[in-house]
N, C-alpha and C. Protein backbone atom coordinates (compact mmCIF):
# COMPACT_ATOMS: atom_id res chain seq x y z
N MET A 1 0.83 -1.23 0.05
CA MET A 1 0.02 -0.01 -0.06
C MET A 1 0.90 1.25 -0.04
N ALA A 2 0.65 2.14 -0.84
CA ALA A 2 1.51 3.36 -0.91
C ALA A 2 0.66 4.62 -0.74
N ALA A 3 1.17 5.67 -0.36
CA ALA A 3 0.56 6.96 -0.18
C ALA A 3 1.49 8.08 -0.42
N VAL A 4 1.07 9.29 -0.51
CA VAL A 4 1.77 10.51 -0.83
C VAL A 4 1.37 11.63 0.15
N VAL A 5 2.29 12.35 0.54
CA VAL A 5 2.01 13.50 1.50
C VAL A 5 2.58 14.62 0.57
N ASP A 6 1.87 15.66 0.52
CA ASP A 6 2.17 17.01 -0.33
C ASP A 6 2.33 18.05 0.54
N LEU A 7 3.61 18.38 0.72
CA LEU A 7 3.91 19.63 1.66
C LEU A 7 4.38 20.89 0.84
N SER A 8 3.51 21.82 1.03
CA SER A 8 3.76 23.04 0.32
C SER A 8 3.98 24.19 1.24
N GLY A 9 4.85 25.10 0.99
CA GLY A 9 5.23 26.33 1.66
C GLY A 9 6.14 26.19 2.76
N VAL A 10 6.50 25.10 3.27
CA VAL A 10 7.17 24.83 4.48
C VAL A 10 8.51 23.93 4.23
N GLU A 11 9.49 24.40 4.93
CA GLU A 11 10.76 23.63 4.72
C GLU A 11 11.04 22.94 6.07
N TYR A 12 11.43 21.51 6.06
CA TYR A 12 11.56 20.78 7.16
C TYR A 12 12.92 20.15 7.09
N ALA A 13 13.73 20.18 8.26
CA ALA A 13 14.98 19.24 8.18
C ALA A 13 14.63 17.81 8.31
N GLU A 14 13.38 17.46 8.86
CA GLU A 14 13.11 15.98 8.95
C GLU A 14 11.59 15.91 8.90
N VAL A 15 11.00 14.99 8.12
CA VAL A 15 9.61 14.77 8.19
C VAL A 15 9.56 13.23 8.53
N GLU A 16 8.92 12.71 9.59
CA GLU A 16 8.57 11.51 9.92
C GLU A 16 7.12 11.12 9.86
N ILE A 17 6.95 9.78 9.52
CA ILE A 17 5.56 9.23 9.44
C ILE A 17 5.60 8.05 10.34
N LEU A 18 4.60 8.16 11.39
CA LEU A 18 4.52 7.07 12.41
C LEU A 18 3.19 6.71 12.43
N VAL A 19 2.92 5.49 12.90
CA VAL A 19 1.49 4.91 12.94
C VAL A 19 0.90 5.37 14.28
N GLY A 20 -0.30 6.01 14.10
CA GLY A 20 -0.97 6.44 15.29
C GLY A 20 -2.02 5.35 15.81
N THR A 21 -2.94 5.21 14.86
CA THR A 21 -3.92 4.10 15.36
C THR A 21 -3.78 2.78 14.35
N ASP A 22 -3.71 1.57 15.07
CA ASP A 22 -3.74 0.48 14.25
C ASP A 22 -4.41 -0.60 14.99
N PRO A 23 -5.74 -0.68 14.96
CA PRO A 23 -6.50 -1.53 15.88
C PRO A 23 -6.13 -3.03 15.71
N TYR A 24 -5.87 -3.53 14.67
CA TYR A 24 -5.51 -5.00 14.57
C TYR A 24 -3.96 -5.22 14.45
N GLY A 25 -3.11 -4.16 14.55
CA GLY A 25 -1.78 -4.57 14.52
C GLY A 25 -1.15 -4.93 13.11
N ILE A 26 -1.73 -4.52 12.04
CA ILE A 26 -1.37 -5.05 10.95
C ILE A 26 -0.34 -4.15 10.13
N VAL A 27 0.10 -2.97 10.66
CA VAL A 27 1.09 -2.42 10.09
C VAL A 27 2.45 -2.81 10.30
N GLU A 28 3.37 -3.49 9.50
CA GLU A 28 4.62 -3.91 9.92
C GLU A 28 5.61 -2.80 10.07
N SER A 29 5.49 -1.95 8.81
CA SER A 29 6.49 -0.85 8.80
C SER A 29 5.96 0.21 7.82
N VAL A 30 6.52 1.31 8.00
CA VAL A 30 6.46 2.48 7.03
C VAL A 30 7.72 2.77 6.38
N VAL A 31 7.78 2.64 5.07
CA VAL A 31 9.07 2.63 4.29
C VAL A 31 8.95 3.78 3.37
N PRO A 32 9.93 4.74 3.25
CA PRO A 32 10.77 5.01 4.45
C PRO A 32 9.95 5.69 5.57
N ALA A 33 10.57 5.43 6.76
CA ALA A 33 9.88 6.12 7.96
C ALA A 33 10.18 7.62 8.03
N SER A 34 11.21 8.27 7.37
CA SER A 34 11.56 9.61 7.42
C SER A 34 12.21 10.06 6.23
N PHE A 35 12.08 11.46 6.05
CA PHE A 35 12.72 12.18 4.85
C PHE A 35 13.55 13.35 5.48
N THR A 36 14.62 13.69 4.95
CA THR A 36 15.44 14.75 5.46
C THR A 36 15.49 15.83 4.23
N ASP A 37 15.74 17.16 4.72
CA ASP A 37 15.81 18.34 3.91
C ASP A 37 14.73 18.41 2.88
N VAL A 38 13.56 18.47 3.54
CA VAL A 38 12.33 18.45 2.57
C VAL A 38 11.98 20.04 2.45
N VAL A 39 12.12 20.49 1.13
CA VAL A 39 11.97 21.75 0.74
C VAL A 39 10.40 21.94 0.26
N PRO A 40 9.91 23.34 0.22
CA PRO A 40 8.43 23.54 -0.14
C PRO A 40 8.08 22.94 -1.48
N GLY A 41 6.85 22.52 -1.58
CA GLY A 41 6.37 21.82 -2.77
C GLY A 41 6.92 20.30 -3.03
N THR A 42 7.55 19.81 -1.87
CA THR A 42 8.04 18.32 -2.15
C THR A 42 6.78 17.37 -1.85
N SER A 43 6.63 16.45 -2.68
CA SER A 43 5.71 15.29 -2.27
C SER A 43 6.51 14.09 -2.01
N LEU A 44 6.04 13.54 -0.79
CA LEU A 44 6.75 12.52 -0.12
C LEU A 44 5.78 11.16 -0.47
N ALA A 45 6.47 10.22 -1.08
CA ALA A 45 5.86 8.95 -1.16
C ALA A 45 6.48 7.95 -0.27
N PHE A 46 5.57 7.13 0.25
CA PHE A 46 5.97 6.01 1.21
C PHE A 46 4.95 4.88 0.98
N ALA A 47 5.44 3.82 1.54
CA ALA A 47 4.62 2.59 1.51
C ALA A 47 4.43 2.01 2.91
N LEU A 48 3.34 1.21 3.01
CA LEU A 48 3.10 0.58 4.23
C LEU A 48 3.16 -0.79 4.08
N ASP A 49 3.94 -1.65 4.79
CA ASP A 49 4.06 -2.99 4.74
C ASP A 49 2.99 -3.58 5.78
N LEU A 50 1.97 -4.15 5.28
CA LEU A 50 0.85 -4.79 6.23
C LEU A 50 1.11 -6.33 6.48
N LEU A 51 0.78 -6.76 7.61
CA LEU A 51 0.84 -8.21 7.86
C LEU A 51 -0.58 -8.76 7.72
N GLY A 52 -0.79 -10.02 7.28
CA GLY A 52 -1.73 -10.75 7.14
C GLY A 52 -2.67 -10.98 8.37
N VAL A 53 -3.86 -10.82 8.47
CA VAL A 53 -4.57 -11.04 9.80
C VAL A 53 -5.77 -12.02 9.51
N ALA A 54 -5.83 -13.05 10.37
CA ALA A 54 -6.94 -14.02 10.05
C ALA A 54 -8.13 -13.64 10.90
N THR A 55 -9.21 -13.52 10.20
CA THR A 55 -10.52 -13.31 10.95
C THR A 55 -11.68 -14.19 10.30
N ASP A 56 -12.73 -14.21 11.09
CA ASP A 56 -13.82 -15.09 10.74
C ASP A 56 -14.67 -14.39 9.79
N VAL A 57 -14.79 -13.11 9.78
CA VAL A 57 -15.74 -12.29 9.05
C VAL A 57 -14.73 -11.12 8.37
N ALA A 58 -15.28 -10.57 7.21
CA ALA A 58 -14.65 -9.42 6.66
C ALA A 58 -14.79 -8.32 7.50
N LEU A 59 -13.59 -7.43 7.60
CA LEU A 59 -13.59 -6.44 8.57
C LEU A 59 -13.11 -5.24 7.83
N THR A 60 -13.54 -4.04 8.18
CA THR A 60 -13.01 -2.77 7.53
C THR A 60 -12.44 -1.93 8.83
N THR A 61 -11.15 -1.43 8.74
CA THR A 61 -10.58 -0.87 9.97
C THR A 61 -10.01 0.49 9.30
N THR A 62 -9.58 1.48 10.10
CA THR A 62 -9.05 2.55 9.68
C THR A 62 -7.68 2.76 10.55
N ILE A 63 -6.59 2.96 9.70
CA ILE A 63 -5.24 3.01 10.27
C ILE A 63 -4.95 4.61 10.15
N SER A 64 -4.48 5.28 11.07
CA SER A 64 -4.16 6.68 11.15
C SER A 64 -2.62 6.73 11.16
N LEU A 65 -2.06 7.52 10.22
CA LEU A 65 -0.64 7.89 10.27
C LEU A 65 -0.44 9.31 10.61
N LEU A 66 0.50 9.52 11.55
CA LEU A 66 0.89 10.88 11.98
C LEU A 66 2.26 11.32 11.24
N VAL A 67 2.01 12.52 10.64
CA VAL A 67 3.10 13.03 9.87
C VAL A 67 3.66 14.25 10.71
N TYR A 68 4.92 14.09 11.13
CA TYR A 68 5.69 15.07 11.98
C TYR A 68 6.69 15.87 11.17
N GLY A 69 6.76 17.16 11.31
CA GLY A 69 7.83 17.96 10.69
C GLY A 69 8.63 18.48 11.65
N ASP A 70 9.80 18.22 11.82
CA ASP A 70 10.81 18.70 12.84
C ASP A 70 10.19 18.49 14.32
N GLY A 71 9.49 17.38 14.38
CA GLY A 71 9.12 17.06 15.82
C GLY A 71 7.63 17.66 16.06
N GLU A 72 6.94 18.28 15.15
CA GLU A 72 5.78 18.95 15.44
C GLU A 72 4.62 18.03 14.45
N LEU A 73 3.54 17.74 15.10
CA LEU A 73 2.48 17.10 14.27
C LEU A 73 2.00 18.11 13.12
N ILE A 74 2.13 17.71 11.94
CA ILE A 74 1.65 18.60 10.84
C ILE A 74 0.58 18.08 10.05
N ASP A 75 0.33 16.72 10.12
CA ASP A 75 -0.76 16.07 9.30
C ASP A 75 -1.10 14.86 9.88
N THR A 76 -2.42 14.32 9.67
CA THR A 76 -2.87 12.90 10.11
C THR A 76 -3.55 12.49 8.89
N ILE A 77 -3.07 11.31 8.39
CA ILE A 77 -3.63 10.67 7.22
C ILE A 77 -4.38 9.51 7.73
N GLU A 78 -5.72 9.24 7.40
CA GLU A 78 -6.36 7.91 7.58
C GLU A 78 -6.63 7.19 6.37
N VAL A 79 -6.18 5.89 6.63
CA VAL A 79 -6.23 4.87 5.49
C VAL A 79 -7.23 3.90 6.02
N GLU A 80 -8.10 3.55 4.91
CA GLU A 80 -9.25 2.56 5.34
C GLU A 80 -8.63 1.19 4.60
N VAL A 81 -8.72 0.18 5.44
CA VAL A 81 -8.23 -1.16 5.08
C VAL A 81 -9.23 -2.13 5.26
N GLU A 82 -9.50 -2.98 4.13
CA GLU A 82 -10.35 -4.04 4.25
C GLU A 82 -9.53 -5.44 4.59
N ILE A 83 -9.98 -6.24 5.56
CA ILE A 83 -9.37 -7.36 5.92
C ILE A 83 -10.44 -8.52 5.50
N ALA A 84 -9.88 -9.45 4.68
CA ALA A 84 -10.79 -10.54 4.13
C ALA A 84 -10.76 -11.61 5.14
N PRO A 85 -12.01 -12.34 5.16
CA PRO A 85 -12.04 -13.43 6.02
C PRO A 85 -11.19 -14.62 5.64
N ARG A 86 -10.89 -15.49 6.50
CA ARG A 86 -9.97 -16.57 6.20
C ARG A 86 -10.66 -17.61 5.28
C-alpha cells in the first residue's frame, strides 16, 4: 500500500511518518519512515508493509498515520483497510 504526502510552503529538516492508530496491529513498517531536507512543494511517497490477519468475517478498519515535521505534528492521514475473512 502506498501513499503520498504533499507539503507546500514549508521547509523541514526532517519529516517522520508514524503509525498512530492500528486496531488490529497490521502495519509492519512504514518505508521510508522519515525524509530529510524537505523543501516547499515536495511530495513524499511512502509505502506501508501490512501483515496478514486471520478473521472469521470481513472487517474494515481505519489506520491513522501521523506526519511530523521537525518534531511537530503537521498532518494526520487516515487509511481505510479491508481485511478479508480466512
